Amino acid sequence: MKIALLGKGKTGSKVLENKTHQVIAFDSKNPPTFEKLETFDLIISFLPGDVFKSFIPLLIETKLPVVTGSTGFEWPTQLDQTLKDKKISWIYASNFSLGVAVLKQMLAKLSAAKEMFSTHHTSIHEIHHTHKKDAPSGTALSMQNWMKETCSVTSERTGDVIGFHELTFDTGSEKIKLSHEALDRKLFADGAIWAAEYLSKNPTYGLNSFQDILERTL
């Protein structure tokens, strides 16, 4: 498979290390155009969210499958329907970790059990490297979504931390803590490649969550 990579930063560079597929990167010195992209089979993006959002019309024009880990922006409201109408398959994720997929299942159980407690407070703390622009992280916001409630979310930017997320469920008389720590950015690249391979074999029109796709295959 010939993959166009948009964004070769900390995570994108790990996608470039993949030896299974041909991966060619685009950046400010080699900007993507319709003529360049139409020669590829699929697009993977790890661009900053605002930059990725500016490329959405171009990506739709190519009609290529897209796998994106870009965060820090809001999706256009009609995008899912537009992709379905044009028979285009996209997968997005705030975190391409397979471990976070397991964490989601655990949070779903905790969310379902919270009615057992007369009172509780849920907080999320996330830590990332100093170059990460969006805060809270997309994964922290997803965790809040999975708990189906408003949580107290705090963010920390320090050193070269790849990604740490911890949820604390405090009832006053006991605490439940669930955490996930990324130790190597390769795991995000591997997840994106897995999603790319999935789309190459299973066209899934519309804007699809990586989590939802994983749950269909588990």
C-alpha atoms as a PDB file:
ATOM      1  CA  MET A   1       0.000   0.000   0.000  1.00  0.00           C
ATOM      2  CA  LYS A   2       1.261   3.486  -0.892  1.00  0.00           C
ATOM      3  CA  ILE A   3       0.562   5.857   2.013  1.00  0.00           C
ATOM      4  CA  ALA A   4       0.735   9.659   1.997  1.00  0.00           C
ATOM      5  CA  LEU A   5       1.790  10.914   5.432  1.00  0.00           C
ATOM      6  CA  LEU A   6       0.752  14.406   6.475  1.00  0.00           C
ATOM      7  CA  GLY A   7       2.868  15.547   9.408  1.00  0.00           C
ATOM      8  CA  LYS A   8       6.205  13.940  10.243  1.00  0.00           C
ATOM      9  CA  GLY A   9       6.586  15.157  13.812  1.00  0.00           C
ATOM     10  CA  LYS A  10       7.068  12.995  16.898  1.00  0.00           C
ATOM     11  CA  THR A  11       4.416  10.421  15.908  1.00  0.00           C
ATOM     12  CA  GLY A  12       4.446  10.862  12.131  1.00  0.00           C
ATOM     13  CA  SER A  13       8.163  10.050  12.081  1.00  0.00           C
ATOM     14  CA  LYS A  14       7.323   6.660  13.605  1.00  0.00           C
ATOM     15  CA  VAL A  15       4.919   5.980  10.709  1.00  0.00           C
ATOM     16  CA  LEU A  16       7.818   6.707   8.336  1.00  0.00           C
ATOM     17  CA  GLU A  17       9.775   3.883  10.001  1.00  0.00           C
ATOM     18  CA  ASN A  18       7.161   1.334   8.863  1.00  0.00           C
ATOM     19  CA  LYS A  19       8.689  -1.169   6.438  1.00  0.00           C
ATOM     20  CA  THR A  20       5.498  -2.975   5.411  1.00  0.00           C
ATOM     21  CA  HIS A  21       4.158  -0.179   3.204  1.00  0.00           C
ATOM     22  CA  GLN A  22       5.580   2.608   1.083  1.00  0.00           C
ATOM     23  CA  VAL A  23       5.186   5.832   3.103  1.00  0.00           C
ATOM     24  CA  ILE A  24       5.954   9.272   1.648  1.00  0.00           C
ATOM     25  CA  ALA A  25       5.743  12.372   3.863  1.00  0.00           C
ATOM     26  CA  PHE A  26       4.364  15.802   3.002  1.00  0.00           C
ATOM     27  CA  ASP A  27       5.200  18.960   4.934  1.00  0.00           C
ATOM     28  CA  SER A  28       5.609  22.711   4.449  1.00  0.00           C
ATOM     29  CA  LYS A  29       8.526  22.105   2.074  1.00  0.00           C
ATOM     30  CA  ASN A  30       6.564  19.509   0.118  1.00  0.00           C
ATOM     31  CA  PRO A  31       2.897  20.546   0.527  1.00  0.00           C
ATOM     32  CA  PRO A  32       0.171  18.094  -0.486  1.00  0.00           C
ATOM     33  CA  THR A  33      -1.777  18.816  -3.664  1.00  0.00           C
ATOM     34  CA  PHE A  34      -4.542  16.924  -5.430  1.00  0.00           C
ATOM     35  CA  GLU A  35      -2.155  15.922  -8.220  1.00  0.00           C
ATOM     36  CA  LYS A  36       0.364  14.489  -5.753  1.00  0.00           C
ATOM     37  CA  LEU A  37      -2.152  12.751  -3.486  1.00  0.00           C
ATOM     38  CA  GLU A  38      -4.179  11.068  -6.236  1.00  0.00           C
ATOM     39  CA  THR A  39      -1.263   8.683  -6.850  1.00  0.00           C
ATOM     40  CA  PHE A  40      -1.593   7.218  -3.326  1.00  0.00           C
ATOM     41  CA  ASP A  41      -3.838   4.501  -1.874  1.00  0.00           C
ATOM     42  CA  LEU A  42      -4.478   6.124   1.504  1.00  0.00           C
ATOM     43  CA  ILE A  43      -3.643   9.157   3.661  1.00  0.00           C
ATOM     44  CA  ILE A  44      -2.469   9.177   7.288  1.00  0.00           C
ATOM     45  CA  SER A  45      -2.390  12.495   9.174  1.00  0.00           C
ATOM     46  CA  PHE A  46      -0.736  13.500  12.401  1.00  0.00           C
ATOM     47  CA  LEU A  47      -0.882  17.216  11.617  1.00  0.00           C
ATOM     48  CA  PRO A  48      -1.894  19.742  14.293  1.00  0.00           C
ATOM     49  CA  GLY A  49      -5.687  20.009  14.338  1.00  0.00           C
ATOM     50  CA  ASP A  50      -5.996  23.495  12.851  1.00  0.00           C
ATOM     51  CA  VAL A  51      -3.697  22.600   9.942  1.00  0.00           C
ATOM     52  CA  PHE A  52      -5.506  19.320   9.295  1.00  0.00           C
ATOM     53  CA  LYS A  53      -8.876  21.078   9.315  1.00  0.00           C
ATOM     54  CA  SER A  54      -7.675  23.449   6.579  1.00  0.00           C
ATOM     55  CA  PHE A  55      -6.859  20.410   4.407  1.00  0.00           C
ATOM     56  CA  ILE A  56     -10.270  18.718   4.800  1.00  0.00           C
ATOM     57  CA  PRO A  57     -11.697  20.059   1.476  1.00  0.00           C
ATOM     58  CA  LEU A  58      -8.598  18.800  -0.378  1.00  0.00           C
ATOM     59  CA  LEU A  59      -8.757  15.394   1.295  1.00  0.00           C
ATOM     60  CA  ILE A  60     -12.432  15.035   0.370  1.00  0.00           C
ATOM     61  CA  GLU A  61     -11.595  15.974  -3.216  1.00  0.00           C
ATOM     62  CA  THR A  62      -9.091  13.092  -3.459  1.00  0.00           C
ATOM     63  CA  LYS A  63     -11.779  10.585  -2.314  1.00  0.00           C
ATOM     64  CA  LEU A  64      -8.984   8.580  -0.668  1.00  0.00           C
ATOM     65  CA  PRO A  65      -9.406   6.765   2.661  1.00  0.00           C
ATOM     66  CA  VAL A  66      -8.011   8.866   5.522  1.00  0.00           C
ATOM     67  CA  VAL A  67      -6.692   7.816   8.932  1.00  0.00           C
ATOM     68  CA  THR A  68      -6.147  10.792  11.218  1.00  0.00           C
ATOM     69  CA  GLY A  69      -4.815  11.306  14.711  1.00  0.00           C
ATOM     70  CA  SER A  70      -5.075  15.091  14.441  1.00  0.00           C
ATOM     71  CA  THR A  71      -6.745  16.659  17.494  1.00  0.00           C
ATOM     72  CA  GLY A  72      -7.555  20.060  18.948  1.00  0.00           C
ATOM     73  CA  PHE A  73     -10.369  21.094  16.602  1.00  0.00           C
ATOM     74  CA  GLU A  74     -14.093  20.497  16.060  1.00  0.00           C
ATOM     75  CA  TRP A  75     -15.261  18.349  13.158  1.00  0.00           C
ATOM     76  CA  PRO A  76     -17.503  20.075  10.587  1.00  0.00           C
ATOM     77  CA  THR A  77     -21.086  19.078  11.415  1.00  0.00           C
ATOM     78  CA  GLN A  78     -21.946  17.705   7.964  1.00  0.00           C
ATOM     79  CA  LEU A  79     -18.660  15.903   7.331  1.00  0.00           C
ATOM     80  CA  ASP A  80     -19.886  12.407   8.193  1.00  0.00           C
ATOM     81  CA  GLN A  81     -22.820  12.669   5.786  1.00  0.00           C
ATOM     82  CA  THR A  82     -20.640  14.229   3.084  1.00  0.00           C
ATOM     83  CA  LEU A  83     -18.220  11.315   3.306  1.00  0.00           C
ATOM     84  CA  LYS A  84     -21.057   8.791   3.161  1.00  0.00           C
ATOM     85  CA  ASP A  85     -22.632  10.522   0.163  1.00  0.00           C
ATOM     86  CA  LYS A  86     -19.304  10.460  -1.684  1.00  0.00           C
ATOM     87  CA  LYS A  87     -18.499   6.893  -0.514  1.00  0.00           C
ATOM     88  CA  ILE A  88     -15.308   7.913   1.270  1.00  0.00           C
ATOM     89  CA  SER A  89     -13.928   6.113   4.337  1.00  0.00           C
ATOM     90  CA  TRP A  90     -12.223   7.959   7.201  1.00  0.00           C
ATOM     91  CA  ILE A  91     -11.075   6.757  10.628  1.00  0.00           C
ATOM     92  CA  TYR A  92     -10.199   9.212  13.396  1.00  0.00           C
ATOM     93  CA  ALA A  93      -8.806   8.816  16.901  1.00  0.00           C
ATOM     94  CA  SER A  94      -7.530  11.009  19.683  1.00  0.00           C
ATOM     95  CA  ASN A  95      -5.311   8.064  20.591  1.00  0.00           C
ATOM     96  CA  PHE A  96      -4.421   5.077  18.374  1.00  0.00           C
ATOM     97  CA  SER A  97      -3.347   2.947  21.336  1.00  0.00           C
ATOM     98  CA  LEU A  98      -4.910  -0.496  21.535  1.00  0.00           C
ATOM     99  CA  GLY A  99      -4.501  -0.204  25.332  1.00  0.00           C
ATOM    100  CA  VAL A 100      -6.763   2.853  25.368  1.00  0.00           C
ATOM    101  CA  ALA A 101      -9.397   0.716  23.625  1.00  0.00           C
ATOM    102  CA  VAL A 102      -9.244  -1.601  26.640  1.00  0.00           C
ATOM    103  CA  LEU A 103      -9.411   1.417  28.968  1.00  0.00           C
ATOM    104  CA  LYS A 104     -12.617   2.520  27.263  1.00  0.00           C
ATOM    105  CA  GLN A 105     -14.232  -0.818  28.107  1.00  0.00           C
ATOM    106  CA  MET A 106     -13.202  -0.442  31.741  1.00  0.00           C
ATOM    107  CA  LEU A 107     -14.594   3.098  31.916  1.00  0.00           C
ATOM    108  CA  ALA A 108     -17.858   1.898  30.388  1.00  0.00           C
ATOM    109  CA  LYS A 109     -18.174  -0.592  33.265  1.00  0.00           C
ATOM    110  CA  LEU A 110     -17.375   2.105  35.837  1.00  0.00           C
ATOM    111  CA  SER A 111     -19.865   4.505  34.267  1.00  0.00           C
ATOM    112  CA  ALA A 112     -22.594   1.860  34.391  1.00  0.00           C
ATOM    113  CA  ALA A 113     -21.839   1.189  38.079  1.00  0.00           C
ATOM    114  CA  LYS A 114     -21.747   4.811  39.278  1.00  0.00           C
ATOM    115  CA  GLU A 115     -25.458   4.778  40.200  1.00  0.00           C
ATOM    116  CA  MET A 116     -24.542   2.355  42.992  1.00  0.00           C
ATOM    117  CA  PHE A 117     -22.882   5.219  44.865  1.00  0.00           C
ATOM    118  CA  SER A 118     -24.841   7.953  46.605  1.00  0.00           C
ATOM    119  CA  THR A 119     -22.203  10.535  45.725  1.00  0.00           C
ATOM    120  CA  HIS A 120     -18.999  10.685  43.734  1.00  0.00           C
ATOM    121  CA  HIS A 121     -16.546  13.047  42.051  1.00  0.00           C
ATOM    122  CA  THR A 122     -14.707  12.117  38.862  1.00  0.00           C
ATOM    123  CA  SER A 123     -11.449  13.771  37.863  1.00  0.00           C
ATOM    124  CA  ILE A 124      -9.024  13.227  34.993  1.00  0.00           C
ATOM    125  CA  HIS A 125      -5.385  14.299  34.927  1.00  0.00           C
ATOM    126  CA  GLU A 126      -3.327  14.135  31.735  1.00  0.00           C
ATOM    127  CA  ILE A 127       0.373  14.798  31.125  1.00  0.00           C
ATOM    128  CA  HIS A 128       2.100  15.346  27.765  1.00  0.00           C
ATOM    129  CA  HIS A 129       5.305  16.805  26.347  1.00  0.00           C
ATOM    130  CA  THR A 130       5.843  20.553  26.264  1.00  0.00           C
ATOM    131  CA  HIS A 131       5.246  20.792  22.492  1.00  0.00           C
ATOM    132  CA  LYS A 132       1.666  19.512  22.617  1.00  0.00           C
ATOM    133  CA  LYS A 133      -0.544  22.518  21.878  1.00  0.00           C
ATOM    134  CA  ASP A 134      -4.069  21.368  22.757  1.00  0.00           C
ATOM    135  CA  ALA A 135      -5.158  20.984  26.373  1.00  0.00           C
ATOM    136  CA  PRO A 136      -6.956  19.055  27.625  1.00  0.00           C
ATOM    137  CA  SER A 137      -5.848  16.267  25.310  1.00  0.00           C
ATOM    138  CA  GLY A 138      -8.252  14.575  22.953  1.00  0.00           C
ATOM    139  CA  THR A 139      -7.913  11.365  24.947  1.00  0.00           C
ATOM    140  CA  ALA A 140      -8.880  13.120  28.203  1.00  0.00           C
ATOM    141  CA  LEU A 141     -11.988  14.524  26.524  1.00  0.00           C
ATOM    142  CA  SER A 142     -12.795  11.056  25.163  1.00  0.00           C
ATOM    143  CA  MET A 143     -12.461   9.589  28.663  1.00  0.00           C
ATOM    144  CA  GLN A 144     -14.952  12.168  29.927  1.00  0.00           C
ATOM    145  CA  ASN A 145     -17.285  11.147  27.106  1.00  0.00           C
ATOM    146  CA  TRP A 146     -16.950   7.481  27.994  1.00  0.00           C
ATOM    147  CA  MET A 147     -17.884   8.264  31.614  1.00  0.00           C
ATOM    148  CA  LYS A 148     -21.026  10.054  30.330  1.00  0.00           C
ATOM    149  CA  GLU A 149     -20.627  12.903  32.788  1.00  0.00           C
ATOM    150  CA  THR A 150     -18.759  16.154  33.301  1.00  0.00           C
ATOM    151  CA  CYS A 151     -15.407  15.482  34.942  1.00  0.00           C
ATOM    152  CA  SER A 152     -12.829  17.773  36.472  1.00  0.00           C
ATOM    153  CA  VAL A 153     -10.008  17.717  33.875  1.00  0.00           C
ATOM    154  CA  THR A 154      -6.483  19.012  34.525  1.00  0.00           C
ATOM    155  CA  SER A 155      -3.516  19.132  32.152  1.00  0.00           C
ATOM    156  CA  GLU A 156       0.248  19.228  32.601  1.00  0.00           C
ATOM    157  CA  ARG A 157       2.937  19.854  29.965  1.00  0.00           C
ATOM    158  CA  THR A 158       6.434  18.771  30.907  1.00  0.00           C
ATOM    159  CA  GLY A 159       9.576  17.311  29.322  1.00  0.00           C
ATOM    160  CA  ASP A 160       9.071  14.727  26.587  1.00  0.00           C
ATOM    161  CA  VAL A 161       6.218  12.774  28.186  1.00  0.00           C
ATOM    162  CA  ILE A 162       4.519  10.755  25.435  1.00  0.00           C
ATOM    163  CA  GLY A 163       1.164  10.526  27.178  1.00  0.00           C
ATOM    164  CA  PHE A 164      -0.219   9.776  30.637  1.00  0.00           C
ATOM    165  CA  HIS A 165      -3.917   9.741  31.571  1.00  0.00           C
ATOM    166  CA  GLU A 166      -5.423   8.920  34.957  1.00  0.00           C
ATOM    167  CA  LEU A 167      -9.068   8.938  35.988  1.00  0.00           C
ATOM    168  CA  THR A 168      -9.964   9.065  39.681  1.00  0.00           C
ATOM    169  CA  PHE A 169     -13.469   8.090  40.846  1.00  0.00           C
ATOM    170  CA  ASP A 170     -13.823   9.381  44.412  1.00  0.00           C
ATOM    171  CA  THR A 171     -16.885   8.484  46.508  1.00  0.00           C
ATOM    172  CA  GLY A 172     -15.593  10.098  49.684  1.00  0.00           C
ATOM    173  CA  SER A 173     -15.045   6.762  51.386  1.00  0.00           C
ATOM    174  CA  GLU A 174     -13.059   5.069  48.622  1.00  0.00           C
ATOM    175  CA  LYS A 175     -11.241   5.824  45.360  1.00  0.00           C
ATOM    176  CA  ILE A 176     -11.009   3.932  42.093  1.00  0.00           C
ATOM    177  CA  LYS A 177      -8.146   4.895  39.788  1.00  0.00           C
ATOM    178  CA  LEU A 178      -7.629   3.867  36.168  1.00  0.00           C
ATOM    179  CA  SER A 179      -4.554   5.023  34.286  1.00  0.00           C
ATOM    180  CA  HIS A 180      -2.821   4.548  30.955  1.00  0.00           C
ATOM    181  CA  GLU A 181       0.764   5.510  30.120  1.00  0.00           C
ATOM    182  CA  ALA A 182       2.261   5.470  26.621  1.00  0.00           C
ATOM    183  CA  LEU A 183       5.905   4.393  26.710  1.00  0.00           C
ATOM    184  CA  ASP A 184       6.780   4.561  23.000  1.00  0.00           C
ATOM    185  CA  ARG A 185       5.214   6.659  20.224  1.00  0.00           C
ATOM    186  CA  LYS A 186       5.540   3.627  17.963  1.00  0.00           C
ATOM    187  CA  LEU A 187       2.297   2.323  19.486  1.00  0.00           C
ATOM    188  CA  PHE A 188       0.365   5.250  17.935  1.00  0.00           C
ATOM    189  CA  ALA A 189       1.998   4.654  14.548  1.00  0.00           C
ATOM    190  CA  ASP A 190       1.223   0.924  14.749  1.00  0.00           C
ATOM    191  CA  GLY A 191      -2.423   1.692  15.549  1.00  0.00           C
ATOM    192  CA  ALA A 192      -2.692   4.085  12.607  1.00  0.00           C
ATOM    193  CA  ILE A 193      -1.149   1.500  10.258  1.00  0.00           C
ATOM    194  CA  TRP A 194      -3.597  -1.098  11.583  1.00  0.00           C
ATOM    195  CA  ALA A 195      -6.474   1.295  10.814  1.00  0.00           C
ATOM    196  CA  ALA A 196      -5.074   1.939   7.330  1.00  0.00           C
ATOM    197  CA  GLU A 197      -4.880  -1.791   6.624  1.00  0.00           C
ATOM    198  CA  TYR A 198      -8.419  -2.215   7.939  1.00  0.00           C
ATOM    199  CA  LEU A 199      -9.788   0.437   5.558  1.00  0.00           C
ATOM    200  CA  SER A 200      -7.922  -1.053   2.609  1.00  0.00           C
ATOM    201  CA  LYS A 201      -9.800  -4.329   3.146  1.00  0.00           C
ATOM    202  CA  ASN A 202     -13.052  -3.000   4.644  1.00  0.00           C
ATOM    203  CA  PRO A 203     -14.296   0.253   3.058  1.00  0.00           C
ATOM    204  CA  THR A 204     -16.365   1.895   5.800  1.00  0.00           C
ATOM    205  CA  TYR A 205     -17.989   5.051   4.470  1.00  0.00           C
ATOM    206  CA  GLY A 206     -18.278   8.083   6.714  1.00  0.00           C
ATOM    207  CA  LEU A 207     -16.324   9.442   9.690  1.00  0.00           C
ATOM    208  CA  ASN A 208     -15.556   6.417  11.863  1.00  0.00           C
ATOM    209  CA  SER A 209     -14.159   6.297  15.379  1.00  0.00           C
ATOM    210  CA  PHE A 210     -11.098   4.064  15.797  1.00  0.00           C
ATOM    211  CA  GLN A 211     -12.634   2.832  19.044  1.00  0.00           C
ATOM    212  CA  ASP A 212     -15.842   1.793  17.278  1.00  0.00           C
ATOM    213  CA  ILE A 213     -13.895   0.004  14.544  1.00  0.00           C
ATOM    214  CA  LEU A 214     -11.838  -1.880  17.142  1.00  0.00           C
ATOM    215  CA  GLU A 215     -14.955  -2.944  19.029  1.00  0.00           C
ATOM    216  CA  ARG A 216     -16.385  -4.451  15.847  1.00  0.00           C
ATOM    217  CA  THR A 217     -13.269  -6.594  15.432  1.00  0.00           C
ATOM    218  CA  LEU A 218     -12.598  -7.610  19.061  1.00  0.00           C
END
